[in-house]
Amino acid sequence: MGLLARVVEEVGICTVYVGSIRDMMAQVKPPRPVFVNFPMGHQCGKAFDRELQMSIIKDALNTLKTLQEPGQIVDLPYDWGEEYVYAPTRGELPADQQPPPGRKKDG
């Protein structure tokens, strides 16, 4: 998505990229990256936590006004509140944990 943000910016539309994998954000270099140290796929917070989600979105959009240097990663100060472990994607699962060929993981 960071690469897509750069393409959108080239046509004059401002973007903010909210991500949860800081080292990848540093490599891709989206124009306005915002890092949230949350599990992958939960960049805007926990499900149904509207207050947290709105705070993250507002802080991320605020970088449109405050970011001084393109590509500078802004670290938002939010805490997930509990320990989480990175869950690998299907392609990274050990062989003994792979779903059978031709069968979708969720049904």
PDB file of N, CA and C in Angstrom:
ATOM      1  N   MET A   1       0.807  -1.196   0.000  1.00  0.00           N
ATOM      2  CA  MET A   1       0.000   0.000   0.000  1.00  0.00           C
ATOM      3  C   MET A   1       0.853   1.265   0.000  1.00  0.00           C
ATOM      4  N   GLY A   2       2.050   1.176   0.560  1.00  0.00           N
ATOM      5  CA  GLY A   2       2.928   2.334   0.563  1.00  0.00           C
ATOM      6  C   GLY A   2       3.303   2.761  -0.847  1.00  0.00           C
ATOM      7  N   LEU A   3       3.508   1.781  -1.734  1.00  0.00           N
ATOM      8  CA  LEU A   3       3.819   2.104  -3.129  1.00  0.00           C
ATOM      9  C   LEU A   3       2.626   2.756  -3.808  1.00  0.00           C
ATOM     10  N   LEU A   4       1.428   2.279  -3.490  1.00  0.00           N
ATOM     11  CA  LEU A   4       0.208   2.862  -4.043  1.00  0.00           C
ATOM     12  C   LEU A   4       0.059   4.311  -3.577  1.00  0.00           C
ATOM     13  N   ALA A   5       0.397   4.588  -2.323  1.00  0.00           N
ATOM     14  CA  ALA A   5       0.321   5.952  -1.804  1.00  0.00           C
ATOM     15  C   ALA A   5       1.220   6.882  -2.618  1.00  0.00           C
ATOM     16  N   ARG A   6       2.387   6.406  -2.987  1.00  0.00           N
ATOM     17  CA  ARG A   6       3.300   7.235  -3.780  1.00  0.00           C
ATOM     18  C   ARG A   6       2.708   7.541  -5.153  1.00  0.00           C
ATOM     19  N   VAL A   7       2.064   6.565  -5.763  1.00  0.00           N
ATOM     20  CA  VAL A   7       1.445   6.775  -7.083  1.00  0.00           C
ATOM     21  C   VAL A   7       0.299   7.784  -6.976  1.00  0.00           C
ATOM     22  N   VAL A   8      -0.527   7.646  -5.948  1.00  0.00           N
ATOM     23  CA  VAL A   8      -1.644   8.573  -5.746  1.00  0.00           C
ATOM     24  C   VAL A   8      -1.116   9.993  -5.518  1.00  0.00           C
ATOM     25  N   GLU A   9      -0.040  10.117  -4.756  1.00  0.00           N
ATOM     26  CA  GLU A   9       0.565  11.427  -4.500  1.00  0.00           C
ATOM     27  C   GLU A   9       1.057  12.075  -5.799  1.00  0.00           C
ATOM     28  N   GLU A  10       1.544  11.260  -6.736  1.00  0.00           N
ATOM     29  CA  GLU A  10       2.064  11.794  -7.995  1.00  0.00           C
ATOM     30  C   GLU A  10       1.004  12.516  -8.806  1.00  0.00           C
ATOM     31  N   VAL A  11      -0.261  12.168  -8.601  1.00  0.00           N
ATOM     32  CA  VAL A  11      -1.334  12.858  -9.335  1.00  0.00           C
ATOM     33  C   VAL A  11      -1.945  13.988  -8.509  1.00  0.00           C
ATOM     34  N   GLY A  12      -1.327  14.301  -7.364  1.00  0.00           N
ATOM     35  CA  GLY A  12      -1.734  15.468  -6.597  1.00  0.00           C
ATOM     36  C   GLY A  12      -2.688  15.223  -5.441  1.00  0.00           C
ATOM     37  N   ILE A  13      -2.897  13.973  -5.062  1.00  0.00           N
ATOM     38  CA  ILE A  13      -3.787  13.664  -3.948  1.00  0.00           C
ATOM     39  C   ILE A  13      -2.929  13.299  -2.736  1.00  0.00           C
ATOM     40  N   CYS A  14      -3.133  14.014  -1.639  1.00  0.00           N
ATOM     41  CA  CYS A  14      -2.356  13.752  -0.419  1.00  0.00           C
ATOM     42  C   CYS A  14      -2.799  12.440   0.216  1.00  0.00           C
ATOM     43  N   THR A  15      -1.841  11.698   0.748  1.00  0.00           N
ATOM     44  CA  THR A  15      -2.134  10.430   1.409  1.00  0.00           C
ATOM     45  C   THR A  15      -1.437  10.365   2.761  1.00  0.00           C
ATOM     46  N   VAL A  16      -1.966   9.517   3.633  1.00  0.00           N
ATOM     47  CA  VAL A  16      -1.318   9.160   4.890  1.00  0.00           C
ATOM     48  C   VAL A  16      -1.372   7.645   4.953  1.00  0.00           C
ATOM     49  N   TYR A  17      -0.224   7.027   5.165  1.00  0.00           N
ATOM     50  CA  TYR A  17      -0.149   5.572   5.235  1.00  0.00           C
ATOM     51  C   TYR A  17       0.029   5.157   6.693  1.00  0.00           C
ATOM     52  N   VAL A  18      -0.939   4.425   7.233  1.00  0.00           N
ATOM     53  CA  VAL A  18      -0.860   3.932   8.602  1.00  0.00           C
ATOM     54  C   VAL A  18      -0.430   2.469   8.530  1.00  0.00           C
ATOM     55  N   GLY A  19       0.707   2.153   9.131  1.00  0.00           N
ATOM     56  CA  GLY A  19       1.233   0.803   9.059  1.00  0.00           C
ATOM     57  C   GLY A  19       1.669   0.281  10.404  1.00  0.00           C
ATOM     58  N   SER A  20       1.879  -1.038  10.447  1.00  0.00           N
ATOM     59  CA  SER A  20       2.288  -1.666  11.702  1.00  0.00           C
ATOM     60  C   SER A  20       3.577  -2.485  11.559  1.00  0.00           C
ATOM     61  N   ILE A  21       4.267  -2.332  10.431  1.00  0.00           N
ATOM     62  CA  ILE A  21       5.557  -2.993  10.238  1.00  0.00           C
ATOM     63  C   ILE A  21       6.564  -1.900   9.888  1.00  0.00           C
ATOM     64  N   ARG A  22       7.201  -1.369  10.927  1.00  0.00           N
ATOM     65  CA  ARG A  22       8.043  -0.182  10.778  1.00  0.00           C
ATOM     66  C   ARG A  22       9.203  -0.393   9.804  1.00  0.00           C
ATOM     67  N   ASP A  23       9.882  -1.530   9.870  1.00  0.00           N
ATOM     68  CA  ASP A  23      11.032  -1.731   8.988  1.00  0.00           C
ATOM     69  C   ASP A  23      10.613  -1.784   7.522  1.00  0.00           C
ATOM     70  N   MET A  24       9.434  -2.329   7.232  1.00  0.00           N
ATOM     71  CA  MET A  24       8.957  -2.359   5.848  1.00  0.00           C
ATOM     72  C   MET A  24       8.585  -0.947   5.388  1.00  0.00           C
ATOM     73  N   MET A  25       7.999  -0.171   6.288  1.00  0.00           N
ATOM     74  CA  MET A  25       7.654   1.210   5.949  1.00  0.00           C
ATOM     75  C   MET A  25       8.917   2.001   5.607  1.00  0.00           C
ATOM     76  N   ALA A  26       9.979   1.742   6.332  1.00  0.00           N
ATOM     77  CA  ALA A  26      11.243   2.438   6.077  1.00  0.00           C
ATOM     78  C   ALA A  26      11.807   2.076   4.702  1.00  0.00           C
ATOM     79  N   GLN A  27      11.575   0.861   4.254  1.00  0.00           N
ATOM     80  CA  GLN A  27      12.066   0.433   2.941  1.00  0.00           C
ATOM     81  C   GLN A  27      11.199   0.973   1.805  1.00  0.00           C
ATOM     82  N   VAL A  28       9.882   0.943   1.980  1.00  0.00           N
ATOM     83  CA  VAL A  28       8.957   1.362   0.918  1.00  0.00           C
ATOM     84  C   VAL A  28       8.906   2.881   0.790  1.00  0.00           C
ATOM     85  N   LYS A  29       9.055   3.581   1.910  1.00  0.00           N
ATOM     86  CA  LYS A  29       9.078   5.038   1.956  1.00  0.00           C
ATOM     87  C   LYS A  29       7.806   5.698   1.409  1.00  0.00           C
ATOM     88  N   PRO A  30       6.646   5.398   2.003  1.00  0.00           N
ATOM     89  CA  PRO A  30       5.455   6.145   1.581  1.00  0.00           C
ATOM     90  C   PRO A  30       5.636   7.624   1.951  1.00  0.00           C
ATOM     91  N   PRO A  31       4.966   8.534   1.263  1.00  0.00           N
ATOM     92  CA  PRO A  31       5.186   9.964   1.499  1.00  0.00           C
ATOM     93  C   PRO A  31       4.902  10.428   2.933  1.00  0.00           C
ATOM     94  N   ARG A  32       3.842   9.945   3.542  1.00  0.00           N
ATOM     95  CA  ARG A  32       3.486  10.341   4.904  1.00  0.00           C
ATOM     96  C   ARG A  32       3.182   9.095   5.734  1.00  0.00           C
ATOM     97  N   PRO A  33       4.207   8.410   6.207  1.00  0.00           N
ATOM     98  CA  PRO A  33       3.994   7.172   6.960  1.00  0.00           C
ATOM     99  C   PRO A  33       3.745   7.420   8.447  1.00  0.00           C
ATOM    100  N   VAL A  34       2.763   6.712   8.993  1.00  0.00           N
ATOM    101  CA  VAL A  34       2.446   6.767  10.417  1.00  0.00           C
ATOM    102  C   VAL A  34       2.517   5.339  10.945  1.00  0.00           C
ATOM    103  N   PHE A  35       3.335   5.128  11.983  1.00  0.00           N
ATOM    104  CA  PHE A  35       3.517   3.799  12.550  1.00  0.00           C
ATOM    105  C   PHE A  35       2.709   3.642  13.830  1.00  0.00           C
ATOM    106  N   VAL A  36       1.978   2.529  13.909  1.00  0.00           N
ATOM    107  CA  VAL A  36       1.253   2.152  15.115  1.00  0.00           C
ATOM    108  C   VAL A  36       1.740   0.751  15.486  1.00  0.00           C
ATOM    109  N   ASN A  37       2.247   0.578  16.683  1.00  0.00           N
ATOM    110  CA  ASN A  37       2.804  -0.710  17.102  1.00  0.00           C
ATOM    111  C   ASN A  37       1.681  -1.641  17.562  1.00  0.00           C
ATOM    112  N   PHE A  38       0.879  -2.050  16.600  1.00  0.00           N
ATOM    113  CA  PHE A  38      -0.249  -2.949  16.822  1.00  0.00           C
ATOM    114  C   PHE A  38      -0.057  -4.178  15.939  1.00  0.00           C
ATOM    115  N   PRO A  39      -0.791  -5.246  16.210  1.00  0.00           N
ATOM    116  CA  PRO A  39      -0.690  -6.424  15.341  1.00  0.00           C
ATOM    117  C   PRO A  39      -1.062  -6.085  13.900  1.00  0.00           C
ATOM    118  N   MET A  40      -0.438  -6.785  12.978  1.00  0.00           N
ATOM    119  CA  MET A  40      -0.706  -6.579  11.569  1.00  0.00           C
ATOM    120  C   MET A  40      -2.201  -6.733  11.281  1.00  0.00           C
ATOM    121  N   GLY A  41      -2.741  -5.805  10.519  1.00  0.00           N
ATOM    122  CA  GLY A  41      -4.157  -5.834  10.187  1.00  0.00           C
ATOM    123  C   GLY A  41      -5.031  -5.072  11.168  1.00  0.00           C
ATOM    124  N   HIS A  42      -4.428  -4.533  12.216  1.00  0.00           N
ATOM    125  CA  HIS A  42      -5.180  -3.793  13.232  1.00  0.00           C
ATOM    126  C   HIS A  42      -4.607  -2.389  13.415  1.00  0.00           C
ATOM    127  N   GLN A  43      -4.203  -1.756  12.326  1.00  0.00           N
ATOM    128  CA  GLN A  43      -3.546  -0.468  12.404  1.00  0.00           C
ATOM    129  C   GLN A  43      -4.405   0.609  13.064  1.00  0.00           C
ATOM    130  N   CYS A  44      -5.702   0.470  12.991  1.00  0.00           N
ATOM    131  CA  CYS A  44      -6.587   1.482  13.595  1.00  0.00           C
ATOM    132  C   CYS A  44      -7.140   1.034  14.935  1.00  0.00           C
ATOM    133  N   GLY A  45      -6.613  -0.037  15.504  1.00  0.00           N
ATOM    134  CA  GLY A  45      -7.030  -0.442  16.839  1.00  0.00           C
ATOM    135  C   GLY A  45      -7.882  -1.691  16.867  1.00  0.00           C
ATOM    136  N   LYS A  46      -8.343  -1.984  18.059  1.00  0.00           N
ATOM    137  CA  LYS A  46      -9.152  -3.182  18.278  1.00  0.00           C
ATOM    138  C   LYS A  46     -10.567  -2.993  17.735  1.00  0.00           C
ATOM    139  N   ALA A  47     -11.172  -4.089  17.336  1.00  0.00           N
ATOM    140  CA  ALA A  47     -12.544  -4.050  16.830  1.00  0.00           C
ATOM    141  C   ALA A  47     -13.472  -3.449  17.876  1.00  0.00           C
ATOM    142  N   PHE A  48     -14.356  -2.599  17.434  1.00  0.00           N
ATOM    143  CA  PHE A  48     -15.404  -1.985  18.250  1.00  0.00           C
ATOM    144  C   PHE A  48     -14.892  -0.942  19.240  1.00  0.00           C
ATOM    145  N   ASP A  49     -13.603  -0.623  19.224  1.00  0.00           N
ATOM    146  CA  ASP A  49     -13.072   0.421  20.110  1.00  0.00           C
ATOM    147  C   ASP A  49     -13.075   1.735  19.333  1.00  0.00           C
ATOM    148  N   ARG A  50     -14.261   2.289  19.180  1.00  0.00           N
ATOM    149  CA  ARG A  50     -14.458   3.477  18.349  1.00  0.00           C
ATOM    150  C   ARG A  50     -13.594   4.659  18.806  1.00  0.00           C
ATOM    151  N   GLU A  51     -13.488   4.853  20.108  1.00  0.00           N
ATOM    152  CA  GLU A  51     -12.720   5.984  20.627  1.00  0.00           C
ATOM    153  C   GLU A  51     -11.253   5.884  20.218  1.00  0.00           C
ATOM    154  N   LEU A  52     -10.657   4.714  20.384  1.00  0.00           N
ATOM    155  CA  LEU A  52      -9.272   4.506  19.988  1.00  0.00           C
ATOM    156  C   LEU A  52      -9.119   4.661  18.477  1.00  0.00           C
ATOM    157  N   GLN A  53     -10.022   4.065  17.716  1.00  0.00           N
ATOM    158  CA  GLN A  53      -9.947   4.136  16.264  1.00  0.00           C
ATOM    159  C   GLN A  53     -10.008   5.583  15.774  1.00  0.00           C
ATOM    160  N   MET A  54     -10.921   6.356  16.335  1.00  0.00           N
ATOM    161  CA  MET A  54     -11.045   7.757  15.924  1.00  0.00           C
ATOM    162  C   MET A  54      -9.804   8.561  16.311  1.00  0.00           C
ATOM    163  N   SER A  55      -9.221   8.269  17.463  1.00  0.00           N
ATOM    164  CA  SER A  55      -8.002   8.971  17.880  1.00  0.00           C
ATOM    165  C   SER A  55      -6.855   8.686  16.913  1.00  0.00           C
ATOM    166  N   ILE A  56      -6.701   7.432  16.534  1.00  0.00           N
ATOM    167  CA  ILE A  56      -5.633   7.064  15.598  1.00  0.00           C
ATOM    168  C   ILE A  56      -5.854   7.735  14.251  1.00  0.00           C
ATOM    169  N   ILE A  57      -7.076   7.699  13.769  1.00  0.00           N
ATOM    170  CA  ILE A  57      -7.374   8.320  12.468  1.00  0.00           C
ATOM    171  C   ILE A  57      -7.110   9.826  12.520  1.00  0.00           C
ATOM    172  N   LYS A  58      -7.551  10.486  13.584  1.00  0.00           N
ATOM    173  CA  LYS A  58      -7.325  11.939  13.702  1.00  0.00           C
ATOM    174  C   LYS A  58      -5.834  12.256  13.783  1.00  0.00           C
ATOM    175  N   ASP A  59      -5.092  11.483  14.574  1.00  0.00           N
ATOM    176  CA  ASP A  59      -3.648  11.723  14.670  1.00  0.00           C
ATOM    177  C   ASP A  59      -2.954  11.481  13.338  1.00  0.00           C
ATOM    178  N   ALA A  60      -3.373  10.443  12.638  1.00  0.00           N
ATOM    179  CA  ALA A  60      -2.780  10.148  11.331  1.00  0.00           C
ATOM    180  C   ALA A  60      -3.073  11.282  10.342  1.00  0.00           C
ATOM    181  N   LEU A  61      -4.310  11.741  10.294  1.00  0.00           N
ATOM    182  CA  LEU A  61      -4.659  12.823   9.372  1.00  0.00           C
ATOM    183  C   LEU A  61      -3.974  14.132   9.755  1.00  0.00           C
ATOM    184  N   ASN A  62      -3.690  14.313  11.021  1.00  0.00           N
ATOM    185  CA  ASN A  62      -2.999  15.518  11.468  1.00  0.00           C
ATOM    186  C   ASN A  62      -1.606  15.632  10.850  1.00  0.00           C
ATOM    187  N   THR A  63      -1.016  14.506  10.463  1.00  0.00           N
ATOM    188  CA  THR A  63       0.306  14.565   9.837  1.00  0.00           C
ATOM    189  C   THR A  63       0.268  15.300   8.502  1.00  0.00           C
ATOM    190  N   LEU A  64      -0.912  15.418   7.904  1.00  0.00           N
ATOM    191  CA  LEU A  64      -1.025  16.206   6.669  1.00  0.00           C
ATOM    192  C   LEU A  64      -0.613  17.653   6.932  1.00  0.00           C
ATOM    193  N   LYS A  65      -0.843  18.130   8.149  1.00  0.00           N
ATOM    194  CA  LYS A  65      -0.488  19.509   8.505  1.00  0.00           C
ATOM    195  C   LYS A  65       0.886  19.622   9.152  1.00  0.00           C
ATOM    196  N   THR A  66       1.309  18.589   9.873  1.00  0.00           N
ATOM    197  CA  THR A  66       2.485  18.741  10.732  1.00  0.00           C
ATOM    198  C   THR A  66       3.772  18.101  10.219  1.00  0.00           C
ATOM    199  N   LEU A  67       3.690  17.158   9.313  1.00  0.00           N
ATOM    200  CA  LEU A  67       4.897  16.454   8.862  1.00  0.00           C
ATOM    201  C   LEU A  67       5.829  17.427   8.150  1.00  0.00           C
ATOM    202  N   GLN A  68       7.075  17.464   8.602  1.00  0.00           N
ATOM    203  CA  GLN A  68       8.047  18.415   8.070  1.00  0.00           C
ATOM    204  C   GLN A  68       8.829  17.864   6.882  1.00  0.00           C
ATOM    205  N   GLU A  69       9.079  16.554   6.883  1.00  0.00           N
ATOM    206  CA  GLU A  69       9.939  15.956   5.871  1.00  0.00           C
ATOM    207  C   GLU A  69       9.238  14.753   5.233  1.00  0.00           C
ATOM    208  N   PRO A  70       9.062  14.740   3.909  1.00  0.00           N
ATOM    209  CA  PRO A  70       8.414  13.592   3.264  1.00  0.00           C
ATOM    210  C   PRO A  70       9.136  12.289   3.594  1.00  0.00           C
ATOM    211  N   GLY A  71       8.374  11.259   3.909  1.00  0.00           N
ATOM    212  CA  GLY A  71       8.946   9.951   4.207  1.00  0.00           C
ATOM    213  C   GLY A  71       9.332   9.753   5.656  1.00  0.00           C
ATOM    214  N   GLN A  72       9.322  10.830   6.441  1.00  0.00           N
ATOM    215  CA  GLN A  72       9.658  10.733   7.866  1.00  0.00           C
ATOM    216  C   GLN A  72       8.560   9.935   8.576  1.00  0.00           C
ATOM    217  N   ILE A  73       8.928   8.849   9.237  1.00  0.00           N
ATOM    218  CA  ILE A  73       7.940   8.004   9.908  1.00  0.00           C
ATOM    219  C   ILE A  73       7.544   8.647  11.236  1.00  0.00           C
ATOM    220  N   VAL A  74       6.243   8.826  11.405  1.00  0.00           N
ATOM    221  CA  VAL A  74       5.705   9.376  12.643  1.00  0.00           C
ATOM    222  C   VAL A  74       5.237   8.192  13.493  1.00  0.00           C
ATOM    223  N   ASP A  75       5.779   8.080  14.700  1.00  0.00           N
ATOM    224  CA  ASP A  75       5.381   7.013  15.618  1.00  0.00           C
ATOM    225  C   ASP A  75       4.248   7.508  16.503  1.00  0.00           C
ATOM    226  N   LEU A  76       3.085   6.877  16.392  1.00  0.00           N
ATOM    227  CA  LEU A  76       1.975   7.242  17.267  1.00  0.00           C
ATOM    228  C   LEU A  76       2.144   6.521  18.600  1.00  0.00           C
ATOM    229  N   PRO A  77       1.755   7.148  19.704  1.00  0.00           N
ATOM    230  CA  PRO A  77       2.075   6.640  21.043  1.00  0.00           C
ATOM    231  C   PRO A  77       1.078   5.632  21.618  1.00  0.00           C
ATOM    232  N   TYR A  78       0.344   4.943  20.789  1.00  0.00           N
ATOM    233  CA  TYR A  78      -0.688   4.044  21.301  1.00  0.00           C
ATOM    234  C   TYR A  78      -0.120   2.685  21.696  1.00  0.00           C
ATOM    235  N   ASP A  79      -0.751   2.077  22.690  1.00  0.00           N
ATOM    236  CA  ASP A  79      -0.329   0.779  23.210  1.00  0.00           C
ATOM    237  C   ASP A  79      -1.471  -0.220  23.021  1.00  0.00           C
ATOM    238  N   TRP A  80      -1.166  -1.387  22.491  1.00  0.00           N
ATOM    239  CA  TRP A  80      -2.178  -2.423  22.246  1.00  0.00           C
ATOM    240  C   TRP A  80      -2.835  -2.872  23.548  1.00  0.00           C
ATOM    241  N   GLY A  81      -2.105  -2.807  24.664  1.00  0.00           N
ATOM    242  CA  GLY A  81      -2.683  -3.126  25.963  1.00  0.00           C
ATOM    243  C   GLY A  81      -2.476  -4.551  26.432  1.00  0.00           C
ATOM    244  N   GLU A  82      -1.992  -5.383  25.560  1.00  0.00           N
ATOM    245  CA  GLU A  82      -1.703  -6.767  25.919  1.00  0.00           C
ATOM    246  C   GLU A  82      -0.634  -7.273  24.968  1.00  0.00           C
ATOM    247  N   GLU A  83       0.074  -8.300  25.365  1.00  0.00           N
ATOM    248  CA  GLU A  83       1.120  -8.837  24.513  1.00  0.00           C
ATOM    249  C   GLU A  83       0.495  -9.542  23.306  1.00  0.00           C
ATOM    250  N   TYR A  84       1.098  -9.365  22.171  1.00  0.00           N
ATOM    251  CA  TYR A  84       0.645 -10.073  20.977  1.00  0.00           C
ATOM    252  C   TYR A  84       1.850 -10.674  20.288  1.00  0.00           C
ATOM    253  N   VAL A  85       1.599 -11.745  19.571  1.00  0.00           N
ATOM    254  CA  VAL A  85       2.654 -12.450  18.868  1.00  0.00           C
ATOM    255  C   VAL A  85       2.358 -12.362  17.378  1.00  0.00           C
ATOM    256  N   TYR A  86       3.385 -12.068  16.613  1.00  0.00           N
ATOM    257  CA  TYR A  86       3.232 -12.019  15.163  1.00  0.00           C
ATOM    258  C   TYR A  86       2.736 -13.365  14.650  1.00  0.00           C
ATOM    259  N   ALA A  87       1.642 -13.339  13.910  1.00  0.00           N
ATOM    260  CA  ALA A  87       1.105 -14.558  13.308  1.00  0.00           C
ATOM    261  C   ALA A  87       1.483 -14.560  11.831  1.00  0.00           C
ATOM    262  N   PRO A  88       2.280 -15.497  11.389  1.00  0.00           N
ATOM    263  CA  PRO A  88       2.727 -15.499   9.989  1.00  0.00           C
ATOM    264  C   PRO A  88       1.568 -15.714   9.021  1.00  0.00           C
ATOM    265  N   THR A  89       1.779 -15.257   7.799  1.00  0.00           N
ATOM    266  CA  THR A  89       0.770 -15.477   6.769  1.00  0.00           C
ATOM    267  C   THR A  89       0.808 -16.941   6.340  1.00  0.00           C
ATOM    268  N   ARG A  90      -0.185 -17.342   5.589  1.00  0.00           N
ATOM    269  CA  ARG A  90      -0.307 -18.743   5.186  1.00  0.00           C
ATOM    270  C   ARG A  90       0.965 -19.278   4.548  1.00  0.00           C
ATOM    271  N   GLY A  91       1.592 -18.489   3.694  1.00  0.00           N
ATOM    272  CA  GLY A  91       2.797 -18.931   3.012  1.00  0.00           C
ATOM    273  C   GLY A  91       3.987 -19.115   3.940  1.00  0.00           C
ATOM    274  N   GLU A  92       3.925 -18.526   5.135  1.00  0.00           N
ATOM    275  CA  GLU A  92       5.036 -18.624   6.073  1.00  0.00           C
ATOM    276  C   GLU A  92       4.806 -19.684   7.146  1.00  0.00           C
ATOM    277  N   LEU A  93       3.669 -20.341   7.145  1.00  0.00           N
ATOM    278  CA  LEU A  93       3.395 -21.355   8.154  1.00  0.00           C
ATOM    279  C   LEU A  93       4.280 -22.572   7.939  1.00  0.00           C
ATOM    280  N   PRO A  94       4.694 -23.226   9.018  1.00  0.00           N
ATOM    281  CA  PRO A  94       5.440 -24.474   8.867  1.00  0.00           C
ATOM    282  C   PRO A  94       4.609 -25.503   8.098  1.00  0.00           C
ATOM    283  N   ALA A  95       5.271 -26.420   7.418  1.00  0.00           N
ATOM    284  CA  ALA A  95       4.596 -27.406   6.566  1.00  0.00           C
ATOM    285  C   ALA A  95       3.524 -28.191   7.313  1.00  0.00           C
ATOM    286  N   ASP A  96       3.771 -28.531   8.581  1.00  0.00           N
ATOM    287  CA  ASP A  96       2.789 -29.329   9.321  1.00  0.00           C
ATOM    288  C   ASP A  96       1.563 -28.528   9.751  1.00  0.00           C
ATOM    289  N   GLN A  97       1.577 -27.198   9.523  1.00  0.00           N
ATOM    290  CA  GLN A  97       0.432 -26.364   9.882  1.00  0.00           C
ATOM    291  C   GLN A  97      -0.301 -25.814   8.661  1.00  0.00           C
ATOM    292  N   GLN A  98       0.136 -26.198   7.476  1.00  0.00           N
ATOM    293  CA  GLN A  98      -0.498 -25.732   6.244  1.00  0.00           C
ATOM    294  C   GLN A  98      -1.849 -26.413   6.046  1.00  0.00           C
ATOM    295  N   PRO A  99      -2.870 -25.679   5.565  1.00  0.00           N
ATOM    296  CA  PRO A  99      -4.127 -26.339   5.212  1.00  0.00           C
ATOM    297  C   PRO A  99      -3.921 -27.263   4.031  1.00  0.00           C
ATOM    298  N   PRO A 100      -4.766 -28.267   3.867  1.00  0.00           N
ATOM    299  CA  PRO A 100      -4.613 -29.175   2.718  1.00  0.00           C
ATOM    300  C   PRO A 100      -4.709 -28.407   1.406  1.00  0.00           C
ATOM    301  N   PRO A 101      -4.004 -28.837   0.362  1.00  0.00           N
ATOM    302  CA  PRO A 101      -4.061 -28.166  -0.936  1.00  0.00           C
ATOM    303  C   PRO A 101      -5.495 -28.083  -1.447  1.00  0.00           C
ATOM    304  N   GLY A 102      -5.839 -26.943  -2.058  1.00  0.00           N
ATOM    305  CA  GLY A 102      -7.162 -26.777  -2.637  1.00  0.00           C
ATOM    306  C   GLY A 102      -8.238 -26.407  -1.634  1.00  0.00           C
ATOM    307  N   ARG A 103      -7.914 -26.337  -0.390  1.00  0.00           N
ATOM    308  CA  ARG A 103      -8.904 -25.997   0.631  1.00  0.00           C
ATOM    309  C   ARG A 103      -8.577 -24.645   1.239  1.00  0.00           C
ATOM    310  N   LYS A 104      -9.561 -23.771   1.294  1.00  0.00           N
ATOM    311  CA  LYS A 104      -9.355 -22.465   1.884  1.00  0.00           C
ATOM    312  C   LYS A 104      -9.229 -22.591   3.386  1.00  0.00           C
ATOM    313  N   LYS A 105      -8.418 -21.688   3.947  1.00  0.00           N
ATOM    314  CA  LYS A 105      -8.154 -21.710   5.377  1.00  0.00           C
ATOM    315  C   LYS A 105      -9.419 -21.499   6.205  1.00  0.00           C
ATOM    316  N   ASP A 106     -10.317 -20.620   5.790  1.00  0.00           N
ATOM    317  CA  ASP A 106     -11.501 -20.299   6.585  1.00  0.00           C
ATOM    318  C   ASP A 106     -12.767 -20.940   6.033  1.00  0.00           C
ATOM    319  N   GLY A 107     -12.665 -22.013   5.365  1.00  0.00           N
ATOM    320  CA  GLY A 107     -13.871 -22.685   4.906  1.00  0.00           C
ATOM    321  C   GLY A 107     -13.832 -22.942   3.484  1.00  0.00           C
TER     322      GLY A 107
END
